PDB file of N, CA and C in Angstrom:
ATOM      1  N   UNK A   1    -115.576 -16.221 -14.687  1.00  0.00           N
ATOM      2  CA  UNK A   1    -114.959 -17.093 -15.989  1.00  0.00           C
ATOM      3  C   UNK A   1    -115.129 -18.800 -15.023  1.00  0.00           C
ATOM      4  N   UNK A   2    -115.899 -19.441 -16.033  1.00  0.00           N
ATOM      5  CA  UNK A   2    -115.179 -20.393 -15.313  1.00  0.00           C
ATOM      6  C   UNK A   2    -114.172 -21.440 -16.291  1.00  0.00           C
ATOM      7  N   UNK A   3    -113.689 -22.529 -15.460  1.00  0.00           N
ATOM      8  CA  UNK A   3    -112.452 -23.241 -16.025  1.00  0.00           C
ATOM      9  C   UNK A   3    -112.603 -24.783 -15.748  1.00  0.00           C
ATOM     10  N   UNK A   4    -112.281 -25.637 -16.723  1.00  0.00           N
ATOM     11  CA  UNK A   4    -112.144 -26.446 -16.747  1.00  0.00           C
ATOM     12  C   UNK A   4    -111.225 -27.428 -16.975  1.00  0.00           C
ATOM     13  N   UNK A   5    -110.916 -27.800 -16.084  1.00  0.00           N
ATOM     14  CA  UNK A   5    -110.058 -28.827 -16.267  1.00  0.00           C
ATOM     15  C   UNK A   5    -109.841 -30.472 -16.415  1.00  0.00           C
ATOM     16  N   UNK A   6    -109.011 -30.932 -17.307  1.00  0.00           N
ATOM     17  CA  UNK A   6    -109.255 -32.721 -16.771  1.00  0.00           C
ATOM     18  C   UNK A   6    -107.607 -32.923 -17.219  1.00  0.00           C
ATOM     19  N   UNK A   7    -108.068 -34.186 -16.369  1.00  0.00           N
ATOM     20  CA  UNK A   7    -106.767 -35.452 -16.026  1.00  0.00           C
ATOM     21  C   UNK A   7    -106.435 -36.751 -16.029  1.00  0.00           C
ATOM     22  N   UNK A   8    -105.715 -37.838 -16.297  1.00  0.00           N
ATOM     23  CA  UNK A   8    -105.899 -38.325 -15.940  1.00  0.00           C
ATOM     24  C   UNK A   8    -104.738 -38.789 -14.818  1.00  0.00           C
ATOM     25  N   UNK A   9    -104.998 -40.280 -14.220  1.00  0.00           N
ATOM     26  CA  UNK A   9    -104.376 -40.602 -12.808  1.00  0.00           C
ATOM     27  C   UNK A   9    -104.890 -42.223 -13.065  1.00  0.00           C
ATOM     28  N   UNK A  10    -103.825 -42.803 -12.163  1.00  0.00           N
ATOM     29  CA  UNK A  10    -104.052 -44.058 -11.900  1.00  0.00           C
ATOM     30  C   UNK A  10    -105.546 -45.081 -11.631  1.00  0.00           C
ATOM     31  N   UNK A  11    -105.739 -43.779 -10.812  1.00  0.00           N
ATOM     32  CA  UNK A  11    -107.522 -43.942 -10.828  1.00  0.00           C
ATOM     33  C   UNK A  11    -108.352 -43.420 -12.071  1.00  0.00           C
ATOM     34  N   UNK A  12    -108.095 -43.056 -12.714  1.00  0.00           N
ATOM     35  CA  UNK A  12    -109.349 -42.801 -14.396  1.00  0.00           C
ATOM     36  C   UNK A  12    -108.657 -41.283 -14.227  1.00  0.00           C
ATOM     37  N   UNK A  13    -109.809 -40.863 -15.189  1.00  0.00           N
ATOM     38  CA  UNK A  13    -109.959 -39.778 -15.528  1.00  0.00           C
ATOM     39  C   UNK A  13    -110.981 -38.613 -14.881  1.00  0.00           C
ATOM     40  N   UNK A  14    -109.977 -37.851 -14.900  1.00  0.00           N
ATOM     41  CA  UNK A  14    -111.267 -36.428 -14.029  1.00  0.00           C
ATOM     42  C   UNK A  14    -111.660 -35.274 -14.976  1.00  0.00           C
ATOM     43  N   UNK A  15    -112.946 -34.834 -14.553  1.00  0.00           N
ATOM     44  CA  UNK A  15    -113.122 -33.514 -15.611  1.00  0.00           C
ATOM     45  C   UNK A  15    -114.060 -32.828 -14.711  1.00  0.00           C
ATOM     46  N   UNK A  16    -113.639 -31.680 -14.022  1.00  0.00           N
ATOM     47  CA  UNK A  16    -113.838 -30.800 -13.192  1.00  0.00           C
ATOM     48  C   UNK A  16    -114.441 -28.973 -13.588  1.00  0.00           C
ATOM     49  N   UNK A  17    -114.947 -28.550 -13.081  1.00  0.00           N
ATOM     50  CA  UNK A  17    -115.654 -27.203 -14.144  1.00  0.00           C
ATOM     51  C   UNK A  17    -114.910 -26.178 -12.439  1.00  0.00           C
ATOM     52  N   UNK A  18    -114.585 -25.652 -13.020  1.00  0.00           N
ATOM     53  CA  UNK A  18    -114.140 -24.921 -10.995  1.00  0.00           C
ATOM     54  C   UNK A  18    -113.973 -25.575  -9.863  1.00  0.00           C
ATOM     55  N   UNK A  19    -113.151 -26.566 -10.488  1.00  0.00           N
ATOM     56  CA  UNK A  19    -113.220 -27.247  -9.026  1.00  0.00           C
ATOM     57  C   UNK A  19    -113.977 -28.742  -9.167  1.00  0.00           C
ATOM     58  N   UNK A  20    -115.290 -28.618  -9.460  1.00  0.00           N
ATOM     59  CA  UNK A  20    -116.480 -29.392  -8.742  1.00  0.00           C
ATOM     60  C   UNK A  20    -116.478 -30.719 -10.100  1.00  0.00           C
ATOM     61  N   UNK A  21    -116.734 -31.447  -9.967  1.00  0.00           N
ATOM     62  CA  UNK A  21    -116.979 -32.957 -10.873  1.00  0.00           C
ATOM     63  C   UNK A  21    -117.963 -32.213 -12.313  1.00  0.00           C
ATOM     64  N   UNK A  22    -117.207 -32.381 -13.598  1.00  0.00           N
ATOM     65  CA  UNK A  22    -118.253 -31.907 -14.309  1.00  0.00           C
ATOM     66  C   UNK A  22    -119.439 -33.432 -14.793  1.00  0.00           C
ATOM     67  N   UNK A  23    -120.285 -32.352 -14.779  1.00  0.00           N
ATOM     68  CA  UNK A  23    -121.862 -33.761 -15.040  1.00  0.00           C
ATOM     69  C   UNK A  23    -121.813 -33.951 -16.566  1.00  0.00           C
ATOM     70  N   UNK A  24    -121.697 -34.607 -16.698  1.00  0.00           N
ATOM     71  CA  UNK A  24    -121.524 -35.954 -18.312  1.00  0.00           C
ATOM     72  C   UNK A  24    -123.120 -35.270 -19.321  1.00  0.00           C
ATOM     73  N   UNK A  25    -124.043 -34.412 -18.455  1.00  0.00           N
ATOM     74  CA  UNK A  25    -125.146 -34.856 -19.090  1.00  0.00           C
ATOM     75  C   UNK A  25    -126.276 -35.565 -20.271  1.00  0.00           C
ATOM     76  N   UNK A  26    -125.610 -36.583 -19.405  1.00  0.00           N
ATOM     77  CA  UNK A  26    -126.794 -37.937 -19.788  1.00  0.00           C
ATOM     78  C   UNK A  26    -128.121 -37.500 -20.876  1.00  0.00           C
ATOM     79  N   UNK A  27    -128.952 -36.383 -19.908  1.00  0.00           N
ATOM     80  CA  UNK A  27    -129.956 -36.280 -20.016  1.00  0.00           C
ATOM     81  C   UNK A  27    -129.948 -35.925 -21.216  1.00  0.00           C
ATOM     82  N   UNK A  28    -129.469 -35.166 -21.955  1.00  0.00           N
ATOM     83  CA  UNK A  28    -129.090 -34.738 -23.638  1.00  0.00           C
ATOM     84  C   UNK A  28    -128.937 -34.875 -24.535  1.00  0.00           C
ATOM     85  N   UNK A  29    -127.998 -36.468 -24.187  1.00  0.00           N
ATOM     86  CA  UNK A  29    -127.785 -36.868 -25.428  1.00  0.00           C
ATOM     87  C   UNK A  29    -126.317 -38.186 -23.990  1.00  0.00           C
ATOM     88  N   UNK A  30    -127.025 -39.755 -24.920  1.00  0.00           N
ATOM     89  CA  UNK A  30    -125.950 -40.195 -24.296  1.00  0.00           C
ATOM     90  C   UNK A  30    -125.389 -41.131 -25.152  1.00  0.00           C
ATOM     91  N   UNK A  31    -124.070 -40.587 -25.287  1.00  0.00           N
ATOM     92  CA  UNK A  31    -122.751 -41.231 -26.769  1.00  0.00           C
ATOM     93  C   UNK A  31    -122.110 -42.158 -26.030  1.00  0.00           C
ATOM     94  N   UNK A  32    -121.659 -41.921 -24.882  1.00  0.00           N
ATOM     95  CA  UNK A  32    -120.529 -43.147 -23.855  1.00  0.00           C
ATOM     96  C   UNK A  32    -121.721 -43.375 -22.986  1.00  0.00           C
ATOM     97  N   UNK A  33    -121.055 -44.978 -23.242  1.00  0.00           N
ATOM     98  CA  UNK A  33    -121.191 -45.523 -22.180  1.00  0.00           C
ATOM     99  C   UNK A  33    -119.984 -45.438 -20.513  1.00  0.00           C
ATOM    100  N   UNK A  34    -119.030 -45.467 -21.323  1.00  0.00           N
ATOM    101  CA  UNK A  34    -117.574 -44.978 -20.390  1.00  0.00           C
ATOM    102  C   UNK A  34    -116.719 -43.955 -20.000  1.00  0.00           C
ATOM    103  N   UNK A  35    -117.955 -42.991 -20.038  1.00  0.00           N
ATOM    104  CA  UNK A  35    -117.818 -41.728 -18.927  1.00  0.00           C
ATOM    105  C   UNK A  35    -116.618 -41.268 -20.350  1.00  0.00           C
ATOM    106  N   UNK A  36    -115.833 -39.874 -19.976  1.00  0.00           N
ATOM    107  CA  UNK A  36    -115.374 -39.186 -20.219  1.00  0.00           C
ATOM    108  C   UNK A  36    -114.017 -39.318 -21.162  1.00  0.00           C
ATOM    109  N   UNK A  37    -113.494 -39.344 -22.207  1.00  0.00           N
ATOM    110  CA  UNK A  37    -112.100 -38.807 -22.582  1.00  0.00           C
ATOM    111  C   UNK A  37    -111.400 -38.256 -23.636  1.00  0.00           C
ATOM    112  N   UNK A  38    -110.416 -37.896 -24.436  1.00  0.00           N
ATOM    113  CA  UNK A  38    -110.037 -37.193 -24.732  1.00  0.00           C
ATOM    114  C   UNK A  38    -108.866 -37.141 -26.114  1.00  0.00           C
ATOM    115  N   UNK A  39    -108.213 -36.662 -26.585  1.00  0.00           N
ATOM    116  CA  UNK A  39    -106.997 -37.119 -27.280  1.00  0.00           C
ATOM    117  C   UNK A  39    -106.840 -37.371 -28.373  1.00  0.00           C
ATOM    118  N   UNK A  40    -108.559 -38.125 -28.753  1.00  0.00           N
ATOM    119  CA  UNK A  40    -109.192 -38.954 -29.867  1.00  0.00           C
ATOM    120  C   UNK A  40    -110.548 -38.249 -30.772  1.00  0.00           C
ATOM    121  N   UNK A  41    -110.394 -39.252 -31.452  1.00  0.00           N
ATOM    122  CA  UNK A  41    -112.144 -38.830 -32.097  1.00  0.00           C
ATOM    123  C   UNK A  41    -113.331 -40.297 -31.926  1.00  0.00           C
ATOM    124  N   UNK A  42    -114.115 -40.193 -31.348  1.00  0.00           N
ATOM    125  CA  UNK A  42    -115.023 -40.971 -30.672  1.00  0.00           C
ATOM    126  C   UNK A  42    -115.831 -40.812 -29.553  1.00  0.00           C
ATOM    127  N   UNK A  43    -116.140 -41.972 -29.525  1.00  0.00           N
ATOM    128  CA  UNK A  43    -117.786 -41.450 -28.436  1.00  0.00           C
ATOM    129  C   UNK A  43    -117.136 -40.884 -26.764  1.00  0.00           C
ATOM    130  N   UNK A  44    -116.276 -41.206 -26.125  1.00  0.00           N
ATOM    131  CA  UNK A  44    -116.116 -41.002 -24.942  1.00  0.00           C
ATOM    132  C   UNK A  44    -115.914 -39.218 -25.217  1.00  0.00           C
ATOM    133  N   UNK A  45    -114.830 -38.858 -26.214  1.00  0.00           N
ATOM    134  CA  UNK A  45    -114.498 -37.597 -26.421  1.00  0.00           C
ATOM    135  C   UNK A  45    -115.941 -36.661 -26.828  1.00  0.00           C
ATOM    136  N   UNK A  46    -116.806 -37.850 -27.582  1.00  0.00           N
ATOM    137  CA  UNK A  46    -118.398 -36.878 -27.898  1.00  0.00           C
ATOM    138  C   UNK A  46    -119.046 -36.439 -26.328  1.00  0.00           C
ATOM    139  N   UNK A  47    -118.979 -37.390 -25.225  1.00  0.00           N
ATOM    140  CA  UNK A  47    -119.810 -36.707 -24.605  1.00  0.00           C
ATOM    141  C   UNK A  47    -118.692 -35.604 -23.493  1.00  0.00           C
ATOM    142  N   UNK A  48    -118.005 -35.346 -23.634  1.00  0.00           N
ATOM    143  CA  UNK A  48    -117.016 -34.385 -22.844  1.00  0.00           C
ATOM    144  C   UNK A  48    -117.557 -33.047 -23.550  1.00  0.00           C
ATOM    145  N   UNK A  49    -117.414 -33.186 -25.071  1.00  0.00           N
ATOM    146  CA  UNK A  49    -117.380 -32.259 -25.783  1.00  0.00           C
ATOM    147  C   UNK A  49    -119.204 -31.569 -25.175  1.00  0.00           C
ATOM    148  N   UNK A  50    -119.960 -32.587 -25.321  1.00  0.00           N
ATOM    149  CA  UNK A  50    -121.544 -31.977 -25.017  1.00  0.00           C
ATOM    150  C   UNK A  50    -121.618 -31.840 -23.562  1.00  0.00           C
ATOM    151  N   UNK A  51    -120.978 -32.517 -22.964  1.00  0.00           N
ATOM    152  CA  UNK A  51    -121.026 -31.864 -21.391  1.00  0.00           C
ATOM    153  C   UNK A  51    -120.388 -30.592 -21.158  1.00  0.00           C
ATOM    154  N   UNK A  52    -119.365 -30.020 -21.782  1.00  0.00           N
ATOM    155  CA  UNK A  52    -118.846 -28.707 -21.451  1.00  0.00           C
ATOM    156  C   UNK A  52    -119.606 -27.861 -22.532  1.00  0.00           C
ATOM    157  N   UNK A  53    -119.532 -28.281 -23.640  1.00  0.00           N
ATOM    158  CA  UNK A  53    -121.023 -27.317 -24.243  1.00  0.00           C
ATOM    159  C   UNK A  53    -122.233 -27.151 -22.885  1.00  0.00           C
ATOM    160  N   UNK A  54    -122.668 -28.222 -22.987  1.00  0.00           N
ATOM    161  CA  UNK A  54    -123.931 -27.861 -22.288  1.00  0.00           C
ATOM    162  C   UNK A  54    -123.458 -27.201 -20.938  1.00  0.00           C
ATOM    163  N   UNK A  55    -122.331 -26.755 -20.093  1.00  0.00           N
ATOM    164  CA  UNK A  55    -122.750 -26.406 -18.857  1.00  0.00           C
ATOM    165  C   UNK A  55    -121.749 -24.680 -19.684  1.00  0.00           C
ATOM    166  N   UNK A  56    -120.757 -24.768 -20.188  1.00  0.00           N
ATOM    167  CA  UNK A  56    -120.695 -23.542 -20.968  1.00  0.00           C
ATOM    168  C   UNK A  56    -121.694 -22.634 -21.608  1.00  0.00           C
ATOM    169  N   UNK A  57    -122.288 -23.045 -22.272  1.00  0.00           N
ATOM    170  CA  UNK A  57    -123.413 -22.012 -23.230  1.00  0.00           C
ATOM    171  C   UNK A  57    -124.806 -22.385 -22.325  1.00  0.00           C
ATOM    172  N   UNK A  58    -124.715 -23.158 -21.728  1.00  0.00           N
ATOM    173  CA  UNK A  58    -126.134 -23.057 -20.688  1.00  0.00           C
ATOM    174  C   UNK A  58    -127.592 -23.707 -21.975  1.00  0.00           C
ATOM    175  N   UNK A  59    -127.508 -24.093 -22.961  1.00  0.00           N
ATOM    176  CA  UNK A  59    -128.289 -25.007 -23.627  1.00  0.00           C
ATOM    177  C   UNK A  59    -128.113 -25.863 -23.892  1.00  0.00           C
ATOM    178  N   UNK A  60    -129.517 -27.274 -23.641  1.00  0.00           N
ATOM    179  CA  UNK A  60    -128.510 -28.235 -24.229  1.00  0.00           C
ATOM    180  C   UNK A  60    -128.628 -28.717 -25.294  1.00  0.00           C
ATOM    181  N   UNK A  61    -129.946 -28.065 -26.038  1.00  0.00           N
ATOM    182  CA  UNK A  61    -130.334 -27.888 -28.029  1.00  0.00           C
ATOM    183  C   UNK A  61    -128.905 -27.608 -28.397  1.00  0.00           C
ATOM    184  N   UNK A  62    -128.406 -26.246 -28.358  1.00  0.00           N
ATOM    185  CA  UNK A  62    -127.158 -25.472 -29.058  1.00  0.00           C
ATOM    186  C   UNK A  62    -125.766 -26.740 -28.623  1.00  0.00           C
ATOM    187  N   UNK A  63    -125.768 -26.818 -27.060  1.00  0.00           N
ATOM    188  CA  UNK A  63    -124.608 -28.346 -27.418  1.00  0.00           C
ATOM    189  C   UNK A  63    -124.685 -29.631 -27.872  1.00  0.00           C
ATOM    190  N   UNK A  64    -125.967 -29.815 -28.226  1.00  0.00           N
ATOM    191  CA  UNK A  64    -126.268 -31.250 -28.707  1.00  0.00           C
ATOM    192  C   UNK A  64    -125.941 -31.440 -30.295  1.00  0.00           C
ATOM    193  N   UNK A  65    -126.484 -29.700 -31.328  1.00  0.00           N
ATOM    194  CA  UNK A  65    -125.553 -29.413 -32.359  1.00  0.00           C
ATOM    195  C   UNK A  65    -124.290 -29.101 -32.198  1.00  0.00           C
ATOM    196  N   UNK A  66    -123.981 -28.746 -31.747  1.00  0.00           N
ATOM    197  CA  UNK A  66    -121.854 -27.875 -31.570  1.00  0.00           C
ATOM    198  C   UNK A  66    -121.496 -29.558 -31.282  1.00  0.00           C
ATOM    199  N   UNK A  67    -121.802 -30.092 -30.682  1.00  0.00           N
ATOM    200  CA  UNK A  67    -120.632 -31.586 -29.979  1.00  0.00           C
ATOM    201  C   UNK A  67    -119.893 -31.916 -30.867  1.00  0.00           C
ATOM    202  N   UNK A  68    -120.596 -32.620 -31.833  1.00  0.00           N
ATOM    203  CA  UNK A  68    -119.443 -33.369 -32.482  1.00  0.00           C
ATOM    204  C   UNK A  68    -118.523 -32.485 -33.020  1.00  0.00           C
ATOM    205  N   UNK A  69    -118.230 -30.821 -33.716  1.00  0.00           N
ATOM    206  CA  UNK A  69    -117.226 -30.088 -34.166  1.00  0.00           C
ATOM    207  C   UNK A  69    -116.700 -30.179 -33.520  1.00  0.00           C
ATOM    208  N   UNK A  70    -116.873 -29.544 -32.117  1.00  0.00           N
ATOM    209  CA  UNK A  70    -116.332 -29.096 -31.121  1.00  0.00           C
ATOM    210  C   UNK A  70    -115.457 -30.585 -30.332  1.00  0.00           C
ATOM    211  N   UNK A  71    -116.223 -31.352 -31.158  1.00  0.00           N
ATOM    212  CA  UNK A  71    -115.176 -32.751 -29.760  1.00  0.00           C
ATOM    213  C   UNK A  71    -113.633 -33.098 -31.520  1.00  0.00           C
ATOM    214  N   UNK A  72    -113.670 -33.200 -32.313  1.00  0.00           N
ATOM    215  CA  UNK A  72    -113.568 -32.599 -33.505  1.00  0.00           C
ATOM    216  C   UNK A  72    -111.631 -32.057 -33.719  1.00  0.00           C
ATOM    217  N   UNK A  73    -112.527 -30.435 -33.159  1.00  0.00           N
ATOM    218  CA  UNK A  73    -112.171 -29.400 -33.035  1.00  0.00           C
ATOM    219  C   UNK A  73    -110.738 -29.143 -32.513  1.00  0.00           C
ATOM    220  N   UNK A  74    -111.120 -29.333 -31.096  1.00  0.00           N
ATOM    221  CA  UNK A  74    -110.761 -29.246 -30.138  1.00  0.00           C
ATOM    222  C   UNK A  74    -110.888 -30.521 -28.700  1.00  0.00           C
ATOM    223  N   UNK A  75    -111.775 -31.472 -28.718  1.00  0.00           N
ATOM    224  CA  UNK A  75    -111.231 -31.987 -27.048  1.00  0.00           C
ATOM    225  C   UNK A  75    -110.861 -33.127 -27.988  1.00  0.00           C
ATOM    226  N   UNK A  76    -110.398 -33.606 -29.135  1.00  0.00           N
ATOM    227  CA  UNK A  76    -109.529 -34.709 -29.552  1.00  0.00           C
ATOM    228  C   UNK A  76    -108.354 -34.458 -29.833  1.00  0.00           C
ATOM    229  N   UNK A  77    -107.942 -33.088 -29.342  1.00  0.00           N
ATOM    230  CA  UNK A  77    -106.442 -32.220 -29.445  1.00  0.00           C
ATOM    231  C   UNK A  77    -106.019 -32.158 -28.050  1.00  0.00           C
ATOM    232  N   UNK A  78    -107.132 -32.630 -27.234  1.00  0.00           N
ATOM    233  CA  UNK A  78    -106.312 -32.417 -25.773  1.00  0.00           C
ATOM    234  C   UNK A  78    -104.775 -32.831 -25.289  1.00  0.00           C
ATOM    235  N   UNK A  79    -104.589 -32.230 -24.712  1.00  0.00           N
ATOM    236  CA  UNK A  79    -103.218 -33.211 -24.201  1.00  0.00           C
ATOM    237  C   UNK A  79    -103.790 -34.215 -22.654  1.00  0.00           C
ATOM    238  N   UNK A  80    -102.859 -35.293 -22.453  1.00  0.00           N
ATOM    239  CA  UNK A  80    -103.437 -35.901 -20.526  1.00  0.00           C
ATOM    240  C   UNK A  80    -104.139 -35.237 -19.658  1.00  0.00           C
ATOM    241  N   UNK A  81    -103.123 -33.519 -19.792  1.00  0.00           N
ATOM    242  CA  UNK A  81    -103.626 -32.881 -18.416  1.00  0.00           C
ATOM    243  C   UNK A  81    -104.042 -31.685 -19.634  1.00  0.00           C
ATOM    244  N   UNK A  82    -105.119 -30.326 -19.740  1.00  0.00           N
ATOM    245  CA  UNK A  82    -105.919 -29.642 -19.655  1.00  0.00           C
ATOM    246  C   UNK A  82    -106.525 -28.989 -19.302  1.00  0.00           C
ATOM    247  N   UNK A  83    -106.660 -27.484 -19.789  1.00  0.00           N
ATOM    248  CA  UNK A  83    -107.398 -26.571 -18.575  1.00  0.00           C
ATOM    249  C   UNK A  83    -108.191 -25.246 -19.665  1.00  0.00           C
ATOM    250  N   UNK A  84    -108.675 -25.570 -19.978  1.00  0.00           N
ATOM    251  CA  UNK A  84    -110.062 -24.781 -20.767  1.00  0.00           C
ATOM    252  C   UNK A  84    -110.887 -24.087 -20.071  1.00  0.00           C
ATOM    253  N   UNK A  85    -111.368 -21.857 -20.446  1.00  0.00           N
ATOM    254  CA  UNK A  85    -111.419 -21.286 -19.813  1.00  0.00           C
ATOM    255  C   UNK A  85    -112.712 -21.098 -20.858  1.00  0.00           C
ATOM    256  N   UNK A  86    -113.624 -20.327 -20.628  1.00  0.00           N
ATOM    257  CA  UNK A  86    -114.864 -19.861 -20.879  1.00  0.00           C
ATOM    258  C   UNK A  86    -114.723 -19.130 -22.653  1.00  0.00           C
ATOM    259  N   UNK A  87    -114.172 -18.320 -21.666  1.00  0.00           N
ATOM    260  CA  UNK A  87    -112.712 -17.801 -23.017  1.00  0.00           C
ATOM    261  C   UNK A  87    -112.064 -18.509 -24.070  1.00  0.00           C
ATOM    262  N   UNK A  88    -111.991 -19.409 -24.265  1.00  0.00           N
ATOM    263  CA  UNK A  88    -111.314 -20.812 -24.984  1.00  0.00           C
ATOM    264  C   UNK A  88    -112.314 -21.121 -25.477  1.00  0.00           C
ATOM    265  N   UNK A  89    -113.665 -22.012 -25.179  1.00  0.00           N
ATOM    266  CA  UNK A  89    -114.664 -22.289 -25.474  1.00  0.00           C
ATOM    267  C   UNK A  89    -115.610 -21.378 -26.996  1.00  0.00           C
ATOM    268  N   UNK A  90    -115.309 -19.734 -26.240  1.00  0.00           N
ATOM    269  CA  UNK A  90    -116.045 -18.989 -27.322  1.00  0.00           C
ATOM    270  C   UNK A  90    -114.895 -18.604 -28.219  1.00  0.00           C
ATOM    271  N   UNK A  91    -113.917 -18.970 -28.139  1.00  0.00           N
ATOM    272  CA  UNK A  91    -113.096 -18.729 -29.402  1.00  0.00           C
ATOM    273  C   UNK A  91    -113.167 -19.896 -29.783  1.00  0.00           C
ATOM    274  N   UNK A  92    -112.643 -21.256 -29.580  1.00  0.00           N
ATOM    275  CA  UNK A  92    -113.180 -21.946 -30.299  1.00  0.00           C
ATOM    276  C   UNK A  92    -114.327 -22.176 -30.948  1.00  0.00           C
ATOM    277  N   UNK A  93    -115.297 -21.667 -30.802  1.00  0.00           N
ATOM    278  CA  UNK A  93    -116.732 -21.589 -31.260  1.00  0.00           C
ATOM    279  C   UNK A  93    -116.950 -20.314 -31.984  1.00  0.00           C
ATOM    280  N   UNK A  94    -116.056 -19.811 -32.174  1.00  0.00           N
ATOM    281  CA  UNK A  94    -115.786 -18.446 -33.366  1.00  0.00           C
ATOM    282  C   UNK A  94    -116.732 -17.369 -32.638  1.00  0.00           C
ATOM    283  N   UNK A  95    -116.289 -17.308 -31.447  1.00  0.00           N
ATOM    284  CA  UNK A  95    -117.744 -16.894 -30.727  1.00  0.00           C
ATOM    285  C   UNK A  95    -116.954 -15.108 -29.554  1.00  0.00           C
ATOM    286  N   UNK A  96    -115.693 -15.526 -30.224  1.00  0.00           N
ATOM    287  CA  UNK A  96    -114.564 -14.490 -29.113  1.00  0.00           C
ATOM    288  C   UNK A  96    -113.517 -13.690 -29.333  1.00  0.00           C
TER     289      UNK A  96
END
């Protein structure tokens, strides 16, 4: 099962999936020009929500459809350093 992790440092925010950088998936939808963020409701958290869902679900259309709700329900509430598994994402989507 995949593990998604995010954290902030003096160098900025980083988000990984299984230790590798998570793709922002601008090919599906460009919500933010500034990259990923979390802990509030906004465009950068929406981009993160989209990227997490696209990677986890493997379905770009479904990720676009669900990303706003997932951002409000999950991404907007993440702490400075966080960890989500695929099971956590499924649970948040009501699939777990």
